[in-house]
Amino acid sequence: NKANLGAITTEILPLDTFFFAEDYHQQYLAKNPGGYCGLGGTGVTCPIGLDLDKKSA
């Protein structure tokens, strides 16, 4: 790490409660393929139609 700021770590914990955003926020990148903030997109994709009944391992 060139800036000598140390390692970046992220703790991943189970979610207690999840709230979906309003409809106008859903599928943002599909509606705005150029991304936001002039960054030219993020390269992140999310499949449409996720199965909410499946539990992750």
Protein backbone atom coordinates (compact mmCIF):
# COMPACT_ATOMS: atom_id res chain seq x y z
CA ASN A 1 0.00 0.00 0.00
CA LYS A 2 1.64 3.09 -1.32
CA ALA A 3 -0.11 5.57 0.98
CA ASN A 4 0.91 3.69 4.17
CA LEU A 5 -2.66 3.72 5.43
CA GLY A 6 -2.71 0.03 6.38
CA ALA A 7 -4.88 -2.79 5.13
CA ILE A 8 -8.53 -2.14 4.36
CA THR A 9 -10.79 -4.65 6.08
CA THR A 10 -14.54 -5.05 6.06
CA GLU A 11 -16.58 -7.06 8.53
CA ILE A 12 -19.45 -8.95 6.90
CA LEU A 13 -22.33 -9.79 9.24
CA PRO A 14 -25.79 -11.28 8.78
CA LEU A 15 -28.47 -8.70 8.10
CA ASP A 16 -31.24 -8.32 10.69
CA THR A 17 -33.64 -6.25 8.58
CA PHE A 18 -33.55 -5.25 4.92
CA PHE A 19 -35.63 -2.48 3.40
CA PHE A 20 -36.03 -2.26 -0.39
CA ALA A 21 -35.54 1.19 -1.86
CA GLU A 22 -38.35 2.97 -3.65
CA ASP A 23 -39.20 1.76 -7.16
CA TYR A 24 -37.42 4.68 -8.84
CA HIS A 25 -34.14 3.48 -7.27
CA GLN A 26 -34.50 -0.12 -8.49
CA GLN A 27 -32.31 -1.32 -11.40
CA TYR A 28 -30.40 1.98 -11.35
CA LEU A 29 -27.57 0.83 -13.61
CA ALA A 30 -30.01 -0.62 -16.16
CA LYS A 31 -31.78 2.74 -16.30
CA ASN A 32 -28.54 4.76 -16.18
CA PRO A 33 -25.82 2.71 -17.93
CA GLY A 34 -23.41 5.64 -17.74
CA GLY A 35 -23.41 5.45 -13.97
CA TYR A 36 -23.45 8.54 -11.82
CA CYS A 37 -21.23 11.41 -10.67
CA GLY A 38 -19.45 11.52 -14.02
CA LEU A 39 -17.46 8.39 -13.19
CA GLY A 40 -18.52 6.59 -16.35
CA GLY A 41 -20.12 3.63 -14.61
CA THR A 42 -18.87 1.17 -12.03
CA GLY A 43 -18.58 -2.08 -13.97
CA VAL A 44 -20.94 -3.68 -11.43
CA THR A 45 -23.88 -5.74 -12.64
CA CYS A 46 -26.79 -7.28 -10.80
CA PRO A 47 -29.03 -9.88 -12.40
CA ILE A 48 -32.70 -8.99 -12.69
CA GLY A 49 -35.10 -11.33 -10.96
CA LEU A 50 -33.13 -12.45 -7.93
CA ASP A 51 -34.78 -15.34 -6.11
CA LEU A 52 -35.61 -13.88 -2.70
CA ASP A 53 -36.60 -17.30 -1.37
CA LYS A 54 -33.10 -18.75 -1.74
CA LYS A 55 -30.91 -18.55 1.33
CA SER A 56 -27.21 -17.87 0.76
CA ALA A 57 -24.79 -20.46 2.10
